[in-house]
């Protein structure tokens, strides 16, 4: 096998480190399997994806998807799909006031 030059070694090392960092970032952002997931239905007033359904998502994911995170009117309602048996059967996220 041909020996790599110093520049090639440095470039290869940088690519490998970047790939490992991206993989670690993706892994750290995975939801906890114990977190409850819901089938979300947004209201017609939702800022993003009004009157749409988002299946099998956590409350945090739904907040980002529908762009709702406040204390106003109901933005989306979720029905429990999976998670801790003690989780609420339904959940709501609210519009910003």
N, C-alpha and C. Protein backbone atom coordinates (compact mmCIF):
# COMPACT_ATOMS: atom_id res chain seq x y z
N UNK A 1 0.83 -1.18 0.00
CA UNK A 1 0.00 0.00 0.00
C UNK A 1 0.88 1.24 0.00
N UNK A 2 0.45 2.21 -0.75
CA UNK A 2 1.20 3.44 -0.91
C UNK A 2 1.12 4.27 0.37
N UNK A 3 2.22 4.87 0.80
CA UNK A 3 2.22 5.71 1.99
C UNK A 3 1.57 7.05 1.67
N UNK A 4 0.79 7.54 2.63
CA UNK A 4 0.15 8.84 2.46
C UNK A 4 1.11 9.96 2.82
N UNK A 5 0.98 11.05 2.11
CA UNK A 5 1.79 12.22 2.43
C UNK A 5 1.20 12.89 3.66
N UNK A 6 1.97 13.76 4.26
CA UNK A 6 1.56 14.45 5.47
C UNK A 6 0.26 15.22 5.26
N UNK A 7 0.13 15.95 4.14
CA UNK A 7 -1.09 16.72 3.86
C UNK A 7 -2.29 15.78 3.77
N UNK A 8 -2.12 14.66 3.13
CA UNK A 8 -3.22 13.70 2.99
C UNK A 8 -3.61 13.12 4.34
N UNK A 9 -2.61 12.85 5.19
CA UNK A 9 -2.90 12.34 6.53
C UNK A 9 -3.70 13.35 7.35
N UNK A 10 -3.30 14.62 7.24
CA UNK A 10 -3.99 15.67 7.98
C UNK A 10 -5.42 15.82 7.47
N UNK A 11 -5.60 15.80 6.18
CA UNK A 11 -6.93 15.92 5.59
C UNK A 11 -7.81 14.73 5.99
N UNK A 12 -7.26 13.53 5.92
CA UNK A 12 -8.01 12.34 6.31
C UNK A 12 -8.39 12.40 7.79
N UNK A 13 -7.48 12.83 8.64
CA UNK A 13 -7.77 12.96 10.07
C UNK A 13 -8.87 13.97 10.32
N UNK A 14 -8.85 15.09 9.61
CA UNK A 14 -9.88 16.12 9.78
C UNK A 14 -11.25 15.59 9.34
N UNK A 15 -11.28 14.85 8.25
CA UNK A 15 -12.55 14.29 7.77
C UNK A 15 -13.10 13.29 8.78
N UNK A 16 -12.25 12.42 9.30
CA UNK A 16 -12.69 11.43 10.28
C UNK A 16 -13.18 12.09 11.56
N UNK A 17 -12.47 13.10 12.04
CA UNK A 17 -12.89 13.79 13.26
C UNK A 17 -14.22 14.51 13.06
N UNK A 18 -14.40 15.12 11.89
CA UNK A 18 -15.66 15.81 11.59
C UNK A 18 -16.82 14.83 11.55
N UNK A 19 -16.59 13.67 10.96
CA UNK A 19 -17.63 12.65 10.91
C UNK A 19 -17.99 12.13 12.28
N UNK A 20 -16.98 11.93 13.12
CA UNK A 20 -17.24 11.46 14.49
C UNK A 20 -18.01 12.51 15.28
N UNK A 21 -17.66 13.78 15.12
CA UNK A 21 -18.35 14.85 15.84
C UNK A 21 -19.81 14.94 15.38
N UNK A 22 -20.05 14.81 14.08
CA UNK A 22 -21.43 14.87 13.58
C UNK A 22 -22.23 13.69 14.10
N UNK A 23 -21.64 12.53 14.14
CA UNK A 23 -22.33 11.35 14.67
C UNK A 23 -22.65 11.49 16.14
N UNK A 24 -21.72 12.03 16.91
CA UNK A 24 -21.95 12.22 18.33
C UNK A 24 -23.06 13.24 18.56
N UNK A 25 -23.09 14.29 17.75
CA UNK A 25 -24.13 15.31 17.87
C UNK A 25 -25.50 14.70 17.57
N UNK A 26 -25.60 13.91 16.51
CA UNK A 26 -26.87 13.28 16.16
C UNK A 26 -27.31 12.32 17.25
N UNK A 27 -26.38 11.56 17.80
CA UNK A 27 -26.71 10.60 18.85
C UNK A 27 -27.20 11.30 20.11
N UNK A 28 -26.57 12.41 20.47
CA UNK A 28 -26.96 13.12 21.69
C UNK A 28 -28.33 13.79 21.55
N UNK A 29 -28.79 14.02 20.32
CA UNK A 29 -30.09 14.65 20.11
C UNK A 29 -31.23 13.65 19.92
N UNK A 30 -30.96 12.36 20.04
CA UNK A 30 -32.01 11.36 19.94
C UNK A 30 -32.92 11.46 21.16
N UNK A 31 -34.24 11.30 20.95
CA UNK A 31 -35.13 11.35 22.12
C UNK A 31 -34.92 10.15 23.02
N UNK A 32 -35.18 10.33 24.29
CA UNK A 32 -35.09 9.26 25.26
C UNK A 32 -36.26 8.30 25.00
N UNK A 33 -36.03 7.00 24.87
CA UNK A 33 -37.13 6.07 24.60
C UNK A 33 -38.23 6.10 25.66
N UNK A 34 -37.92 6.55 26.87
CA UNK A 34 -38.94 6.64 27.92
C UNK A 34 -39.80 7.89 27.79
N UNK A 35 -39.36 8.87 26.98
CA UNK A 35 -40.15 10.09 26.80
C UNK A 35 -41.46 9.75 26.10
N UNK A 36 -42.56 10.31 26.57
CA UNK A 36 -43.84 10.02 25.91
C UNK A 36 -43.89 10.62 24.51
N UNK A 37 -44.45 9.87 23.58
CA UNK A 37 -44.67 10.39 22.24
C UNK A 37 -46.17 10.41 21.97
N UNK A 38 -46.58 11.38 21.18
CA UNK A 38 -48.00 11.62 20.93
C UNK A 38 -48.26 11.73 19.44
N UNK A 39 -49.53 11.56 19.09
CA UNK A 39 -50.01 11.86 17.74
C UNK A 39 -50.63 13.26 17.84
N UNK A 40 -49.95 14.24 17.23
CA UNK A 40 -50.32 15.65 17.37
C UNK A 40 -51.22 16.09 16.22
N UNK A 41 -52.24 16.87 16.54
CA UNK A 41 -53.10 17.50 15.53
C UNK A 41 -53.08 18.99 15.83
N UNK A 42 -52.66 19.78 14.84
CA UNK A 42 -52.55 21.22 15.07
C UNK A 42 -53.88 21.92 14.79
N UNK A 43 -54.03 23.08 15.39
CA UNK A 43 -55.22 23.90 15.16
C UNK A 43 -55.06 24.66 13.84
N UNK A 44 -56.13 25.22 13.32
CA UNK A 44 -56.02 26.03 12.10
C UNK A 44 -55.18 27.28 12.30
N UNK A 45 -54.96 27.68 13.57
CA UNK A 45 -54.19 28.89 13.88
C UNK A 45 -52.71 28.63 14.10
N UNK A 46 -52.27 27.40 13.98
CA UNK A 46 -50.85 27.09 14.19
C UNK A 46 -50.00 27.86 13.19
N UNK A 47 -48.90 28.48 13.65
CA UNK A 47 -48.05 29.27 12.75
C UNK A 47 -47.43 28.45 11.61
N UNK A 48 -47.14 27.19 11.88
CA UNK A 48 -46.52 26.34 10.86
C UNK A 48 -47.32 25.03 10.80
N UNK A 49 -47.63 24.57 9.64
CA UNK A 49 -48.39 23.32 9.42
C UNK A 49 -49.77 23.36 10.09
N UNK A 50 -50.60 24.37 9.81
CA UNK A 50 -51.93 24.42 10.42
C UNK A 50 -52.81 23.26 9.97
N UNK A 51 -53.65 22.77 10.88
CA UNK A 51 -54.60 21.68 10.61
C UNK A 51 -53.92 20.44 10.05
N UNK A 52 -52.73 20.12 10.54
CA UNK A 52 -52.01 18.93 10.09
C UNK A 52 -51.75 17.99 11.26
N UNK A 53 -51.34 16.77 10.93
CA UNK A 53 -51.05 15.73 11.93
C UNK A 53 -49.56 15.44 11.92
N UNK A 54 -48.99 15.28 13.12
CA UNK A 54 -47.60 14.87 13.30
C UNK A 54 -47.63 13.62 14.18
N UNK A 55 -47.24 12.49 13.61
CA UNK A 55 -47.30 11.22 14.33
C UNK A 55 -46.05 10.94 15.13
N UNK A 56 -46.24 10.30 16.28
CA UNK A 56 -45.17 9.72 17.08
C UNK A 56 -44.05 10.72 17.39
N UNK A 57 -44.41 11.85 17.98
CA UNK A 57 -43.44 12.89 18.29
C UNK A 57 -43.57 13.35 19.74
N UNK A 58 -42.44 13.74 20.32
CA UNK A 58 -42.44 14.29 21.67
C UNK A 58 -43.01 15.71 21.64
N UNK A 59 -43.31 16.24 22.82
CA UNK A 59 -43.83 17.61 22.91
C UNK A 59 -42.81 18.61 22.36
N UNK A 60 -41.52 18.39 22.66
CA UNK A 60 -40.48 19.30 22.17
C UNK A 60 -40.41 19.29 20.65
N UNK A 61 -40.51 18.11 20.05
CA UNK A 61 -40.49 18.01 18.59
C UNK A 61 -41.69 18.72 17.99
N UNK A 62 -42.86 18.53 18.59
CA UNK A 62 -44.08 19.16 18.09
C UNK A 62 -44.00 20.68 18.21
N UNK A 63 -43.43 21.19 19.30
CA UNK A 63 -43.28 22.64 19.46
C UNK A 63 -42.48 23.23 18.32
N UNK A 64 -41.39 22.56 17.95
CA UNK A 64 -40.58 23.04 16.85
C UNK A 64 -41.27 22.89 15.50
N UNK A 65 -41.96 21.79 15.31
CA UNK A 65 -42.63 21.52 14.03
C UNK A 65 -43.75 22.52 13.76
N UNK A 66 -44.57 22.77 14.78
CA UNK A 66 -45.71 23.69 14.61
C UNK A 66 -45.34 25.13 14.96
N UNK A 67 -44.13 25.36 15.47
CA UNK A 67 -43.63 26.67 15.89
C UNK A 67 -44.54 27.29 16.95
N UNK A 68 -44.85 26.49 17.97
CA UNK A 68 -45.69 26.92 19.09
C UNK A 68 -44.93 26.71 20.38
N UNK A 69 -44.89 27.71 21.20
CA UNK A 69 -44.29 27.58 22.53
C UNK A 69 -44.68 28.79 23.35
N UNK A 70 -45.88 28.76 23.89
CA UNK A 70 -46.33 29.91 24.65
C UNK A 70 -47.41 29.53 25.64
N UNK A 71 -48.18 30.54 26.06
CA UNK A 71 -49.23 30.35 27.05
C UNK A 71 -50.60 30.79 26.53
N UNK A 72 -50.73 30.95 25.21
CA UNK A 72 -51.98 31.45 24.64
C UNK A 72 -52.96 30.32 24.34
N UNK A 73 -53.67 30.47 23.24
CA UNK A 73 -54.65 29.48 22.80
C UNK A 73 -53.95 28.17 22.43
N UNK A 74 -54.73 27.10 22.40
CA UNK A 74 -54.18 25.79 22.04
C UNK A 74 -53.69 25.80 20.59
N UNK A 75 -52.47 25.36 20.40
CA UNK A 75 -51.86 25.29 19.08
C UNK A 75 -51.99 23.87 18.51
N UNK A 76 -51.77 22.87 19.37
CA UNK A 76 -51.87 21.47 18.94
C UNK A 76 -52.23 20.60 20.14
N UNK A 77 -52.94 19.53 19.86
CA UNK A 77 -53.34 18.57 20.88
C UNK A 77 -52.75 17.22 20.52
N UNK A 78 -52.20 16.53 21.52
CA UNK A 78 -51.59 15.23 21.29
C UNK A 78 -52.28 14.12 22.05
N UNK A 79 -52.36 12.95 21.43
CA UNK A 79 -52.89 11.74 22.05
C UNK A 79 -51.74 10.77 22.23
N UNK A 80 -51.56 10.25 23.44
CA UNK A 80 -50.43 9.39 23.77
C UNK A 80 -50.33 8.19 22.83
N UNK A 81 -49.11 7.96 22.31
CA UNK A 81 -48.82 6.81 21.45
C UNK A 81 -47.96 5.81 22.21
N UNK A 82 -46.89 6.30 22.85
CA UNK A 82 -46.00 5.43 23.61
C UNK A 82 -45.26 6.23 24.66
N UNK A 83 -44.64 5.50 25.60
CA UNK A 83 -43.87 6.15 26.64
C UNK A 83 -44.21 5.58 28.00
N UNK A 84 -43.81 6.28 29.01
CA UNK A 84 -44.04 5.90 30.40
C UNK A 84 -45.55 5.76 30.65
N UNK A 85 -45.99 4.63 31.23
CA UNK A 85 -47.42 4.43 31.49
C UNK A 85 -48.04 5.53 32.35
N UNK A 86 -47.24 6.24 33.11
CA UNK A 86 -47.75 7.33 33.94
C UNK A 86 -47.91 8.64 33.19
N UNK A 87 -47.57 8.67 31.90
CA UNK A 87 -47.68 9.89 31.11
C UNK A 87 -49.15 10.25 30.89
N UNK A 88 -49.44 11.55 30.78
CA UNK A 88 -50.83 11.95 30.50
C UNK A 88 -51.31 11.37 29.17
N UNK A 89 -52.59 11.01 29.11
CA UNK A 89 -53.16 10.43 27.89
C UNK A 89 -53.25 11.46 26.77
N UNK A 90 -53.40 12.73 27.13
CA UNK A 90 -53.43 13.80 26.14
C UNK A 90 -52.51 14.93 26.58
N UNK A 91 -52.06 15.72 25.63
CA UNK A 91 -51.18 16.85 25.93
C UNK A 91 -51.53 18.01 24.98
N UNK A 92 -51.20 19.21 25.40
CA UNK A 92 -51.44 20.39 24.56
C UNK A 92 -50.18 21.25 24.53
N UNK A 93 -49.98 21.90 23.39
CA UNK A 93 -48.99 22.96 23.31
C UNK A 93 -49.74 24.22 22.91
N UNK A 94 -49.25 25.35 23.36
CA UNK A 94 -49.99 26.61 23.24
C UNK A 94 -49.28 27.57 22.30
N UNK A 95 -50.07 28.49 21.74
CA UNK A 95 -49.54 29.57 20.91
C UNK A 95 -48.93 30.64 21.80
N UNK A 96 -48.01 31.39 21.24
CA UNK A 96 -47.47 32.55 21.97
C UNK A 96 -48.54 33.62 22.00
N UNK A 97 -48.62 34.34 23.11
CA UNK A 97 -49.63 35.39 23.24
C UNK A 97 -49.17 36.67 22.58
